[in-house]
């Protein structure tokens, strides 16, 4: 584990080893178990929401695939773009107006 420690840490190797070998009381174990169960439940709910979102966008599969050709846009990013912007680009008039609305005008990184 020491090999993974950030070199900027001010703690000595001995202090890090002591921290790794710390004692877990039954109370600590209970809290850790509860937090982990909560995180697993949140992950399950997030996955359920994502599946619901993607199922609703099946009619727009070709648009989703096209959006994913944009660098750094994955399936969920494409879905969020489609939900936010819609499939009718005529509402924006020009690509420049869409870029302005999205906050990605030329010069913005």
PDB file of N, CA and C in Angstrom:
ATOM      1  N   UNK A   1       0.822  -1.198   0.000  1.00  0.00           N
ATOM      2  CA  UNK A   1       0.000   0.000   0.000  1.00  0.00           C
ATOM      3  C   UNK A   1       0.866   1.262   0.000  1.00  0.00           C
ATOM      4  N   UNK A   2       2.044   1.170   0.606  1.00  0.00           N
ATOM      5  CA  UNK A   2       2.902   2.347   0.658  1.00  0.00           C
ATOM      6  C   UNK A   2       3.310   2.806  -0.735  1.00  0.00           C
ATOM      7  N   UNK A   3       3.398   1.889  -1.676  1.00  0.00           N
ATOM      8  CA  UNK A   3       3.762   2.249  -3.049  1.00  0.00           C
ATOM      9  C   UNK A   3       2.714   3.150  -3.696  1.00  0.00           C
ATOM     10  N   UNK A   4       1.475   3.092  -3.217  1.00  0.00           N
ATOM     11  CA  UNK A   4       0.388   3.888  -3.788  1.00  0.00           C
ATOM     12  C   UNK A   4       0.217   5.227  -3.083  1.00  0.00           C
ATOM     13  N   UNK A   5       0.943   5.447  -2.002  1.00  0.00           N
ATOM     14  CA  UNK A   5       0.820   6.697  -1.251  1.00  0.00           C
ATOM     15  C   UNK A   5       1.377   7.853  -2.073  1.00  0.00           C
ATOM     16  N   UNK A   6       0.689   8.956  -2.019  1.00  0.00           N
ATOM     17  CA  UNK A   6       1.142  10.161  -2.714  1.00  0.00           C
ATOM     18  C   UNK A   6       2.460  10.622  -2.096  1.00  0.00           C
ATOM     19  N   UNK A   7       3.401  10.946  -2.942  1.00  0.00           N
ATOM     20  CA  UNK A   7       4.740  11.338  -2.469  1.00  0.00           C
ATOM     21  C   UNK A   7       4.717  12.655  -1.697  1.00  0.00           C
ATOM     22  N   UNK A   8       3.641  13.422  -1.852  1.00  0.00           N
ATOM     23  CA  UNK A   8       3.545  14.703  -1.148  1.00  0.00           C
ATOM     24  C   UNK A   8       3.103  14.547   0.298  1.00  0.00           C
ATOM     25  N   UNK A   9       2.717  13.343   0.698  1.00  0.00           N
ATOM     26  CA  UNK A   9       2.296  13.132   2.088  1.00  0.00           C
ATOM     27  C   UNK A   9       3.445  13.433   3.037  1.00  0.00           C
ATOM     28  N   UNK A  10       3.109  14.074   4.130  1.00  0.00           N
ATOM     29  CA  UNK A  10       4.127  14.417   5.110  1.00  0.00           C
ATOM     30  C   UNK A  10       4.297  13.320   6.153  1.00  0.00           C
ATOM     31  N   UNK A  11       3.367  12.375   6.173  1.00  0.00           N
ATOM     32  CA  UNK A  11       3.432  11.295   7.161  1.00  0.00           C
ATOM     33  C   UNK A  11       4.600  10.368   6.832  1.00  0.00           C
ATOM     34  N   UNK A  12       5.178   9.833   7.879  1.00  0.00           N
ATOM     35  CA  UNK A  12       6.267   8.875   7.686  1.00  0.00           C
ATOM     36  C   UNK A  12       5.685   7.530   7.284  1.00  0.00           C
ATOM     37  N   UNK A  13       6.536   6.650   6.770  1.00  0.00           N
ATOM     38  CA  UNK A  13       6.080   5.303   6.422  1.00  0.00           C
ATOM     39  C   UNK A  13       5.512   4.607   7.647  1.00  0.00           C
ATOM     40  N   UNK A  14       6.140   4.829   8.792  1.00  0.00           N
ATOM     41  CA  UNK A  14       5.674   4.198  10.024  1.00  0.00           C
ATOM     42  C   UNK A  14       4.267   4.690  10.395  1.00  0.00           C
ATOM     43  N   UNK A  15       4.021   5.986  10.245  1.00  0.00           N
ATOM     44  CA  UNK A  15       2.697   6.534  10.556  1.00  0.00           C
ATOM     45  C   UNK A  15       1.647   5.974   9.598  1.00  0.00           C
ATOM     46  N   UNK A  16       2.007   5.836   8.310  1.00  0.00           N
ATOM     47  CA  UNK A  16       1.069   5.265   7.343  1.00  0.00           C
ATOM     48  C   UNK A  16       0.760   3.810   7.665  1.00  0.00           C
ATOM     49  N   UNK A  17       1.787   3.059   8.033  1.00  0.00           N
ATOM     50  CA  UNK A  17       1.571   1.657   8.403  1.00  0.00           C
ATOM     51  C   UNK A  17       0.695   1.550   9.635  1.00  0.00           C
ATOM     52  N   UNK A  18       0.908   2.441  10.613  1.00  0.00           N
ATOM     53  CA  UNK A  18       0.056   2.444  11.811  1.00  0.00           C
ATOM     54  C   UNK A  18      -1.392   2.733  11.447  1.00  0.00           C
ATOM     55  N   UNK A  19      -1.598   3.675  10.521  1.00  0.00           N
ATOM     56  CA  UNK A  19      -2.962   4.012  10.106  1.00  0.00           C
ATOM     57  C   UNK A  19      -3.628   2.838   9.401  1.00  0.00           C
ATOM     58  N   UNK A  20      -2.853   2.112   8.600  1.00  0.00           N
ATOM     59  CA  UNK A  20      -3.409   0.956   7.896  1.00  0.00           C
ATOM     60  C   UNK A  20      -3.715  -0.198   8.836  1.00  0.00           C
ATOM     61  N   UNK A  21      -2.976  -0.263   9.939  1.00  0.00           N
ATOM     62  CA  UNK A  21      -3.163  -1.359  10.884  1.00  0.00           C
ATOM     63  C   UNK A  21      -4.084  -0.960  12.035  1.00  0.00           C
ATOM     64  N   UNK A  22      -4.814   0.129  11.869  1.00  0.00           N
ATOM     65  CA  UNK A  22      -5.686   0.626  12.937  1.00  0.00           C
ATOM     66  C   UNK A  22      -6.728  -0.392  13.372  1.00  0.00           C
ATOM     67  N   UNK A  23      -7.261  -0.171  14.548  1.00  0.00           N
ATOM     68  CA  UNK A  23      -8.271  -1.067  15.110  1.00  0.00           C
ATOM     69  C   UNK A  23      -9.666  -0.623  14.690  1.00  0.00           C
ATOM     70  N   UNK A  24     -10.454  -1.568  14.251  1.00  0.00           N
ATOM     71  CA  UNK A  24     -11.852  -1.296  13.940  1.00  0.00           C
ATOM     72  C   UNK A  24     -12.706  -1.866  15.064  1.00  0.00           C
ATOM     73  N   UNK A  25     -13.440  -0.993  15.696  1.00  0.00           N
ATOM     74  CA  UNK A  25     -14.334  -1.435  16.762  1.00  0.00           C
ATOM     75  C   UNK A  25     -15.617  -1.953  16.117  1.00  0.00           C
ATOM     76  N   UNK A  26     -16.450  -2.639  16.873  1.00  0.00           N
ATOM     77  CA  UNK A  26     -17.751  -3.051  16.332  1.00  0.00           C
ATOM     78  C   UNK A  26     -18.566  -1.853  15.826  1.00  0.00           C
ATOM     79  N   UNK A  27     -18.435  -0.716  16.480  1.00  0.00           N
ATOM     80  CA  UNK A  27     -19.151   0.489  16.029  1.00  0.00           C
ATOM     81  C   UNK A  27     -18.644   0.941  14.659  1.00  0.00           C
ATOM     82  N   UNK A  28     -17.315   0.916  14.481  1.00  0.00           N
ATOM     83  CA  UNK A  28     -16.746   1.274  13.185  1.00  0.00           C
ATOM     84  C   UNK A  28     -17.253   0.334  12.099  1.00  0.00           C
ATOM     85  N   UNK A  29     -17.235  -0.953  12.392  1.00  0.00           N
ATOM     86  CA  UNK A  29     -17.688  -1.940  11.403  1.00  0.00           C
ATOM     87  C   UNK A  29     -19.157  -1.724  11.031  1.00  0.00           C
ATOM     88  N   UNK A  30     -19.973  -1.415  12.046  1.00  0.00           N
ATOM     89  CA  UNK A  30     -21.390  -1.162  11.792  1.00  0.00           C
ATOM     90  C   UNK A  30     -21.564   0.029  10.852  1.00  0.00           C
ATOM     91  N   UNK A  31     -20.874   1.128  11.155  1.00  0.00           N
ATOM     92  CA  UNK A  31     -21.001   2.332  10.336  1.00  0.00           C
ATOM     93  C   UNK A  31     -20.505   2.071   8.925  1.00  0.00           C
ATOM     94  N   UNK A  32     -19.378   1.400   8.791  1.00  0.00           N
ATOM     95  CA  UNK A  32     -18.840   1.083   7.465  1.00  0.00           C
ATOM     96  C   UNK A  32     -19.826   0.223   6.681  1.00  0.00           C
ATOM     97  N   UNK A  33     -20.411  -0.760   7.320  1.00  0.00           N
ATOM     98  CA  UNK A  33     -21.392  -1.631   6.668  1.00  0.00           C
ATOM     99  C   UNK A  33     -22.600  -0.837   6.214  1.00  0.00           C
ATOM    100  N   UNK A  34     -23.090   0.059   7.069  1.00  0.00           N
ATOM    101  CA  UNK A  34     -24.252   0.868   6.711  1.00  0.00           C
ATOM    102  C   UNK A  34     -23.943   1.823   5.564  1.00  0.00           C
ATOM    103  N   UNK A  35     -22.788   2.456   5.589  1.00  0.00           N
ATOM    104  CA  UNK A  35     -22.410   3.377   4.514  1.00  0.00           C
ATOM    105  C   UNK A  35     -22.264   2.620   3.197  1.00  0.00           C
ATOM    106  N   UNK A  36     -21.630   1.460   3.242  1.00  0.00           N
ATOM    107  CA  UNK A  36     -21.468   0.662   2.018  1.00  0.00           C
ATOM    108  C   UNK A  36     -22.820   0.218   1.471  1.00  0.00           C
ATOM    109  N   UNK A  37     -23.728  -0.189   2.339  1.00  0.00           N
ATOM    110  CA  UNK A  37     -25.068  -0.591   1.891  1.00  0.00           C
ATOM    111  C   UNK A  37     -25.789   0.591   1.254  1.00  0.00           C
ATOM    112  N   UNK A  38     -25.640   1.764   1.857  1.00  0.00           N
ATOM    113  CA  UNK A  38     -26.263   2.969   1.307  1.00  0.00           C
ATOM    114  C   UNK A  38     -25.695   3.293  -0.074  1.00  0.00           C
ATOM    115  N   UNK A  39     -24.372   3.221  -0.220  1.00  0.00           N
ATOM    116  CA  UNK A  39     -23.743   3.491  -1.519  1.00  0.00           C
ATOM    117  C   UNK A  39     -24.195   2.485  -2.569  1.00  0.00           C
ATOM    118  N   UNK A  40     -24.304   1.222  -2.196  1.00  0.00           N
ATOM    119  CA  UNK A  40     -24.771   0.200  -3.139  1.00  0.00           C
ATOM    120  C   UNK A  40     -26.213   0.467  -3.557  1.00  0.00           C
ATOM    121  N   UNK A  41     -27.056   0.915  -2.621  1.00  0.00           N
ATOM    122  CA  UNK A  41     -28.441   1.247  -2.947  1.00  0.00           C
ATOM    123  C   UNK A  41     -28.498   2.447  -3.891  1.00  0.00           C
ATOM    124  N   UNK A  42     -27.678   3.458  -3.636  1.00  0.00           N
ATOM    125  CA  UNK A  42     -27.636   4.618  -4.528  1.00  0.00           C
ATOM    126  C   UNK A  42     -27.179   4.214  -5.925  1.00  0.00           C
ATOM    127  N   UNK A  43     -26.166   3.359  -6.003  1.00  0.00           N
ATOM    128  CA  UNK A  43     -25.700   2.866  -7.309  1.00  0.00           C
ATOM    129  C   UNK A  43     -26.811   2.120  -8.034  1.00  0.00           C
ATOM    130  N   UNK A  44     -27.557   1.305  -7.310  1.00  0.00           N
ATOM    131  CA  UNK A  44     -28.671   0.561  -7.917  1.00  0.00           C
ATOM    132  C   UNK A  44     -29.724   1.523  -8.458  1.00  0.00           C
ATOM    133  N   UNK A  45     -30.042   2.552  -7.694  1.00  0.00           N
ATOM    134  CA  UNK A  45     -31.055   3.515  -8.128  1.00  0.00           C
ATOM    135  C   UNK A  45     -30.578   4.335  -9.328  1.00  0.00           C
ATOM    136  N   UNK A  46     -29.308   4.710  -9.322  1.00  0.00           N
ATOM    137  CA  UNK A  46     -28.754   5.440 -10.465  1.00  0.00           C
ATOM    138  C   UNK A  46     -28.847   4.584 -11.716  1.00  0.00           C
ATOM    139  N   UNK A  47     -28.488   3.312 -11.610  1.00  0.00           N
ATOM    140  CA  UNK A  47     -28.571   2.413 -12.764  1.00  0.00           C
ATOM    141  C   UNK A  47     -30.016   2.271 -13.245  1.00  0.00           C
ATOM    142  N   UNK A  48     -30.970   2.190 -12.327  1.00  0.00           N
ATOM    143  CA  UNK A  48     -32.379   2.081 -12.714  1.00  0.00           C
ATOM    144  C   UNK A  48     -32.817   3.335 -13.471  1.00  0.00           C
ATOM    145  N   UNK A  49     -32.406   4.508 -12.992  1.00  0.00           N
ATOM    146  CA  UNK A  49     -32.752   5.763 -13.680  1.00  0.00           C
ATOM    147  C   UNK A  49     -32.116   5.821 -15.062  1.00  0.00           C
ATOM    148  N   UNK A  50     -30.866   5.408 -15.164  1.00  0.00           N
ATOM    149  CA  UNK A  50     -30.191   5.424 -16.457  1.00  0.00           C
ATOM    150  C   UNK A  50     -30.861   4.479 -17.443  1.00  0.00           C
ATOM    151  N   UNK A  51     -31.235   3.308 -16.987  1.00  0.00           N
ATOM    152  CA  UNK A  51     -31.908   2.352 -17.869  1.00  0.00           C
ATOM    153  C   UNK A  51     -33.253   2.914 -18.329  1.00  0.00           C
ATOM    154  N   UNK A  52     -33.982   3.551 -17.420  1.00  0.00           N
ATOM    155  CA  UNK A  52     -35.263   4.162 -17.769  1.00  0.00           C
ATOM    156  C   UNK A  52     -35.055   5.250 -18.817  1.00  0.00           C
ATOM    157  N   UNK A  53     -34.047   6.093 -18.611  1.00  0.00           N
ATOM    158  CA  UNK A  53     -33.740   7.159 -19.555  1.00  0.00           C
ATOM    159  C   UNK A  53     -33.414   6.597 -20.928  1.00  0.00           C
ATOM    160  N   UNK A  54     -32.518   5.614 -20.970  1.00  0.00           N
ATOM    161  CA  UNK A  54     -32.097   5.062 -22.253  1.00  0.00           C
ATOM    162  C   UNK A  54     -33.226   4.325 -22.962  1.00  0.00           C
ATOM    163  N   UNK A  55     -34.097   3.655 -22.216  1.00  0.00           N
ATOM    164  CA  UNK A  55     -35.235   2.977 -22.845  1.00  0.00           C
ATOM    165  C   UNK A  55     -36.179   3.983 -23.490  1.00  0.00           C
ATOM    166  N   UNK A  56     -36.326   5.139 -22.856  1.00  0.00           N
ATOM    167  CA  UNK A  56     -37.192   6.172 -23.417  1.00  0.00           C
ATOM    168  C   UNK A  56     -36.621   6.813 -24.667  1.00  0.00           C
ATOM    169  N   UNK A  57     -35.315   6.667 -24.849  1.00  0.00           N
ATOM    170  CA  UNK A  57     -34.661   7.287 -26.008  1.00  0.00           C
ATOM    171  C   UNK A  57     -34.395   6.308 -27.152  1.00  0.00           C
ATOM    172  N   UNK A  58     -34.952   5.115 -27.079  1.00  0.00           N
ATOM    173  CA  UNK A  58     -34.759   4.125 -28.143  1.00  0.00           C
ATOM    174  C   UNK A  58     -35.157   4.679 -29.514  1.00  0.00           C
ATOM    175  N   UNK A  59     -36.257   5.447 -29.633  1.00  0.00           N
ATOM    176  CA  UNK A  59     -36.602   5.993 -30.955  1.00  0.00           C
ATOM    177  C   UNK A  59     -35.548   6.951 -31.521  1.00  0.00           C
ATOM    178  N   UNK A  60     -34.667   7.432 -30.680  1.00  0.00           N
ATOM    179  CA  UNK A  60     -33.647   8.397 -31.098  1.00  0.00           C
ATOM    180  C   UNK A  60     -32.254   7.771 -31.137  1.00  0.00           C
ATOM    181  N   UNK A  61     -32.202   6.465 -31.312  1.00  0.00           N
ATOM    182  CA  UNK A  61     -30.936   5.736 -31.251  1.00  0.00           C
ATOM    183  C   UNK A  61     -29.903   6.265 -32.245  1.00  0.00           C
ATOM    184  N   UNK A  62     -30.336   6.612 -33.453  1.00  0.00           N
ATOM    185  CA  UNK A  62     -29.370   7.103 -34.446  1.00  0.00           C
ATOM    186  C   UNK A  62     -28.774   8.443 -34.005  1.00  0.00           C
ATOM    187  N   UNK A  63     -29.582   9.295 -33.400  1.00  0.00           N
ATOM    188  CA  UNK A  63     -29.070  10.577 -32.899  1.00  0.00           C
ATOM    189  C   UNK A  63     -28.109  10.337 -31.742  1.00  0.00           C
ATOM    190  N   UNK A  64     -28.467   9.414 -30.860  1.00  0.00           N
ATOM    191  CA  UNK A  64     -27.578   9.088 -29.737  1.00  0.00           C
ATOM    192  C   UNK A  64     -26.226   8.610 -30.233  1.00  0.00           C
ATOM    193  N   UNK A  65     -26.232   7.750 -31.226  1.00  0.00           N
ATOM    194  CA  UNK A  65     -24.975   7.229 -31.786  1.00  0.00           C
ATOM    195  C   UNK A  65     -24.157   8.357 -32.418  1.00  0.00           C
ATOM    196  N   UNK A  66     -24.828   9.254 -33.125  1.00  0.00           N
ATOM    197  CA  UNK A  66     -24.129  10.379 -33.750  1.00  0.00           C
ATOM    198  C   UNK A  66     -23.498  11.289 -32.696  1.00  0.00           C
ATOM    199  N   UNK A  67     -24.232  11.562 -31.633  1.00  0.00           N
ATOM    200  CA  UNK A  67     -23.698  12.417 -30.573  1.00  0.00           C
ATOM    201  C   UNK A  67     -22.467  11.796 -29.907  1.00  0.00           C
ATOM    202  N   UNK A  68     -22.420  10.472 -29.873  1.00  0.00           N
ATOM    203  CA  UNK A  68     -21.286   9.791 -29.245  1.00  0.00           C
ATOM    204  C   UNK A  68     -20.014   9.865 -30.090  1.00  0.00           C
ATOM    205  N   UNK A  69     -20.111  10.386 -31.306  1.00  0.00           N
ATOM    206  CA  UNK A  69     -18.902  10.572 -32.105  1.00  0.00           C
ATOM    207  C   UNK A  69     -18.165  11.842 -31.686  1.00  0.00           C
ATOM    208  N   UNK A  70     -18.809  12.667 -30.877  1.00  0.00           N
ATOM    209  CA  UNK A  70     -18.151  13.863 -30.341  1.00  0.00           C
ATOM    210  C   UNK A  70     -17.154  13.407 -29.280  1.00  0.00           C
ATOM    211  N   UNK A  71     -15.924  13.880 -29.348  1.00  0.00           N
ATOM    212  CA  UNK A  71     -14.935  13.466 -28.341  1.00  0.00           C
ATOM    213  C   UNK A  71     -15.437  13.698 -26.917  1.00  0.00           C
ATOM    214  N   UNK A  72     -15.228  12.702 -26.072  1.00  0.00           N
ATOM    215  CA  UNK A  72     -15.568  12.701 -24.645  1.00  0.00           C
ATOM    216  C   UNK A  72     -17.063  12.632 -24.354  1.00  0.00           C
ATOM    217  N   UNK A  73     -17.884  12.358 -25.352  1.00  0.00           N
ATOM    218  CA  UNK A  73     -19.324  12.193 -25.122  1.00  0.00           C
ATOM    219  C   UNK A  73     -19.633  10.708 -25.170  1.00  0.00           C
ATOM    220  N   UNK A  74     -20.015  10.153 -24.016  1.00  0.00           N
ATOM    221  CA  UNK A  74     -20.377   8.740 -23.961  1.00  0.00           C
ATOM    222  C   UNK A  74     -21.889   8.598 -24.090  1.00  0.00           C
ATOM    223  N   UNK A  75     -22.390   7.408 -23.862  1.00  0.00           N
ATOM    224  CA  UNK A  75     -23.825   7.141 -24.043  1.00  0.00           C
ATOM    225  C   UNK A  75     -24.680   8.016 -23.132  1.00  0.00           C
ATOM    226  N   UNK A  76     -24.282   8.140 -21.886  1.00  0.00           N
ATOM    227  CA  UNK A  76     -25.062   8.941 -20.945  1.00  0.00           C
ATOM    228  C   UNK A  76     -24.949  10.424 -21.283  1.00  0.00           C
ATOM    229  N   UNK A  77     -23.761  10.879 -21.637  1.00  0.00           N
ATOM    230  CA  UNK A  77     -23.599  12.276 -22.053  1.00  0.00           C
ATOM    231  C   UNK A  77     -24.450  12.598 -23.266  1.00  0.00           C
ATOM    232  N   UNK A  78     -24.475  11.682 -24.226  1.00  0.00           N
ATOM    233  CA  UNK A  78     -25.297  11.875 -25.418  1.00  0.00           C
ATOM    234  C   UNK A  78     -26.773  11.926 -25.048  1.00  0.00           C
ATOM    235  N   UNK A  79     -27.190  11.052 -24.158  1.00  0.00           N
ATOM    236  CA  UNK A  79     -28.593  11.040 -23.722  1.00  0.00           C
ATOM    237  C   UNK A  79     -28.947  12.348 -23.031  1.00  0.00           C
ATOM    238  N   UNK A  80     -28.072  12.839 -22.189  1.00  0.00           N
ATOM    239  CA  UNK A  80     -28.349  14.087 -21.483  1.00  0.00           C
ATOM    240  C   UNK A  80     -28.406  15.268 -22.450  1.00  0.00           C
ATOM    241  N   UNK A  81     -27.520  15.271 -23.442  1.00  0.00           N
ATOM    242  CA  UNK A  81     -27.581  16.321 -24.460  1.00  0.00           C
ATOM    243  C   UNK A  81     -28.901  16.281 -25.218  1.00  0.00           C
ATOM    244  N   UNK A  82     -29.286  15.088 -25.627  1.00  0.00           N
ATOM    245  CA  UNK A  82     -30.521  14.942 -26.397  1.00  0.00           C
ATOM    246  C   UNK A  82     -31.734  15.369 -25.571  1.00  0.00           C
ATOM    247  N   UNK A  83     -31.765  14.986 -24.327  1.00  0.00           N
ATOM    248  CA  UNK A  83     -32.892  15.361 -23.458  1.00  0.00           C
ATOM    249  C   UNK A  83     -32.926  16.872 -23.244  1.00  0.00           C
ATOM    250  N   UNK A  84     -31.764  17.467 -23.060  1.00  0.00           N
ATOM    251  CA  UNK A  84     -31.697  18.911 -22.797  1.00  0.00           C
ATOM    252  C   UNK A  84     -31.978  19.737 -24.040  1.00  0.00           C
ATOM    253  N   UNK A  85     -31.390  19.361 -25.170  1.00  0.00           N
ATOM    254  CA  UNK A  85     -31.474  20.176 -26.380  1.00  0.00           C
ATOM    255  C   UNK A  85     -32.657  19.775 -27.263  1.00  0.00           C
ATOM    256  N   UNK A  86     -32.965  18.479 -27.292  1.00  0.00           N
ATOM    257  CA  UNK A  86     -34.032  17.997 -28.159  1.00  0.00           C
ATOM    258  C   UNK A  86     -33.482  17.565 -29.507  1.00  0.00           C
ATOM    259  N   UNK A  87     -34.362  17.147 -30.385  1.00  0.00           N
ATOM    260  CA  UNK A  87     -33.919  16.659 -31.692  1.00  0.00           C
ATOM    261  C   UNK A  87     -34.232  17.635 -32.822  1.00  0.00           C
ATOM    262  N   UNK A  88     -34.751  18.808 -32.510  1.00  0.00           N
ATOM    263  CA  UNK A  88     -35.070  19.808 -33.520  1.00  0.00           C
ATOM    264  C   UNK A  88     -34.099  20.981 -33.389  1.00  0.00           C
ATOM    265  N   UNK A  89     -33.057  20.951 -34.203  1.00  0.00           N
ATOM    266  CA  UNK A  89     -32.050  22.011 -34.138  1.00  0.00           C
ATOM    267  C   UNK A  89     -32.566  23.323 -34.710  1.00  0.00           C
ATOM    268  N   UNK A  90     -33.708  23.274 -35.394  1.00  0.00           N
ATOM    269  CA  UNK A  90     -34.306  24.488 -35.936  1.00  0.00           C
ATOM    270  C   UNK A  90     -34.657  25.497 -34.854  1.00  0.00           C
ATOM    271  N   UNK A  91     -34.842  25.025 -33.641  1.00  0.00           N
ATOM    272  CA  UNK A  91     -35.172  25.924 -32.538  1.00  0.00           C
ATOM    273  C   UNK A  91     -34.039  26.903 -32.246  1.00  0.00           C
ATOM    274  N   UNK A  92     -32.812  26.550 -32.651  1.00  0.00           N
ATOM    275  CA  UNK A  92     -31.663  27.403 -32.365  1.00  0.00           C
ATOM    276  C   UNK A  92     -31.280  28.276 -33.555  1.00  0.00           C
ATOM    277  N   UNK A  93     -31.728  27.930 -34.730  1.00  0.00           N
ATOM    278  CA  UNK A  93     -31.439  28.732 -35.908  1.00  0.00           C
ATOM    279  C   UNK A  93     -30.113  28.392 -36.572  1.00  0.00           C
ATOM    280  N   UNK A  94     -29.031  28.541 -35.834  1.00  0.00           N
ATOM    281  CA  UNK A  94     -27.710  28.281 -36.402  1.00  0.00           C
ATOM    282  C   UNK A  94     -26.872  27.481 -35.405  1.00  0.00           C
ATOM    283  N   UNK A  95     -25.844  26.778 -35.894  1.00  0.00           N
ATOM    284  CA  UNK A  95     -24.940  26.077 -34.979  1.00  0.00           C
ATOM    285  C   UNK A  95     -24.284  27.028 -33.980  1.00  0.00           C
ATOM    286  N   UNK A  96     -23.985  28.255 -34.413  1.00  0.00           N
ATOM    287  CA  UNK A  96     -23.350  29.231 -33.517  1.00  0.00           C
ATOM    288  C   UNK A  96     -24.270  29.590 -32.353  1.00  0.00           C
ATOM    289  N   UNK A  97     -25.573  29.711 -32.629  1.00  0.00           N
ATOM    290  CA  UNK A  97     -26.522  30.038 -31.553  1.00  0.00           C
ATOM    291  C   UNK A  97     -26.645  28.871 -30.575  1.00  0.00           C
ATOM    292  N   UNK A  98     -26.621  27.646 -31.089  1.00  0.00           N
ATOM    293  CA  UNK A  98     -26.646  26.477 -30.201  1.00  0.00           C
ATOM    294  C   UNK A  98     -25.391  26.458 -29.337  1.00  0.00           C
ATOM    295  N   UNK A  99     -24.239  26.714 -29.941  1.00  0.00           N
ATOM    296  CA  UNK A  99     -22.988  26.742 -29.179  1.00  0.00           C
ATOM    297  C   UNK A  99     -23.029  27.830 -28.111  1.00  0.00           C
ATOM    298  N   UNK A 100     -23.582  28.974 -28.457  1.00  0.00           N
ATOM    299  CA  UNK A 100     -23.703  30.064 -27.495  1.00  0.00           C
ATOM    300  C   UNK A 100     -24.627  29.670 -26.353  1.00  0.00           C
ATOM    301  N   UNK A 101     -25.779  29.073 -26.679  1.00  0.00           N
ATOM    302  CA  UNK A 101     -26.725  28.647 -25.654  1.00  0.00           C
ATOM    303  C   UNK A 101     -26.082  27.607 -24.725  1.00  0.00           C
ATOM    304  N   UNK A 102     -25.279  26.709 -25.298  1.00  0.00           N
ATOM    305  CA  UNK A 102     -24.642  25.663 -24.502  1.00  0.00           C
ATOM    306  C   UNK A 102     -23.419  26.172 -23.741  1.00  0.00           C
ATOM    307  N   UNK A 103     -22.985  27.397 -24.030  1.00  0.00           N
ATOM    308  CA  UNK A 103     -21.840  27.951 -23.325  1.00  0.00           C
ATOM    309  C   UNK A 103     -20.509  27.460 -23.854  1.00  0.00           C
ATOM    310  N   UNK A 104     -20.483  27.025 -25.096  1.00  0.00           N
ATOM    311  CA  UNK A 104     -19.227  26.532 -25.684  1.00  0.00           C
ATOM    312  C   UNK A 104     -18.868  27.346 -26.923  1.00  0.00           C
ATOM    313  N   UNK A 105     -19.050  28.649 -26.826  1.00  0.00           N
ATOM    314  CA  UNK A 105     -18.685  29.529 -27.933  1.00  0.00           C
ATOM    315  C   UNK A 105     -17.199  29.424 -28.206  1.00  0.00           C
ATOM    316  N   UNK A 106     -16.792  29.776 -29.423  1.00  0.00           N
ATOM    317  CA  UNK A 106     -15.359  29.755 -29.719  1.00  0.00           C
ATOM    318  C   UNK A 106     -14.581  30.543 -28.662  1.00  0.00           C
ATOM    319  N   UNK A 107     -13.477  29.977 -28.269  1.00  0.00           N
ATOM    320  CA  UNK A 107     -12.660  30.617 -27.246  1.00  0.00           C
ATOM    321  C   UNK A 107     -12.848  30.017 -25.873  1.00  0.00           C
ATOM    322  N   UNK A 108     -13.958  29.330 -25.672  1.00  0.00           N
ATOM    323  CA  UNK A 108     -14.183  28.648 -24.386  1.00  0.00           C
ATOM    324  C   UNK A 108     -13.571  27.263 -24.454  1.00  0.00           C
ATOM    325  N   UNK A 109     -12.928  26.861 -23.408  1.00  0.00           N
ATOM    326  CA  UNK A 109     -12.351  25.513 -23.350  1.00  0.00           C
ATOM    327  C   UNK A 109     -13.149  24.690 -22.361  1.00  0.00           C
TER     328      UNK A 109
END
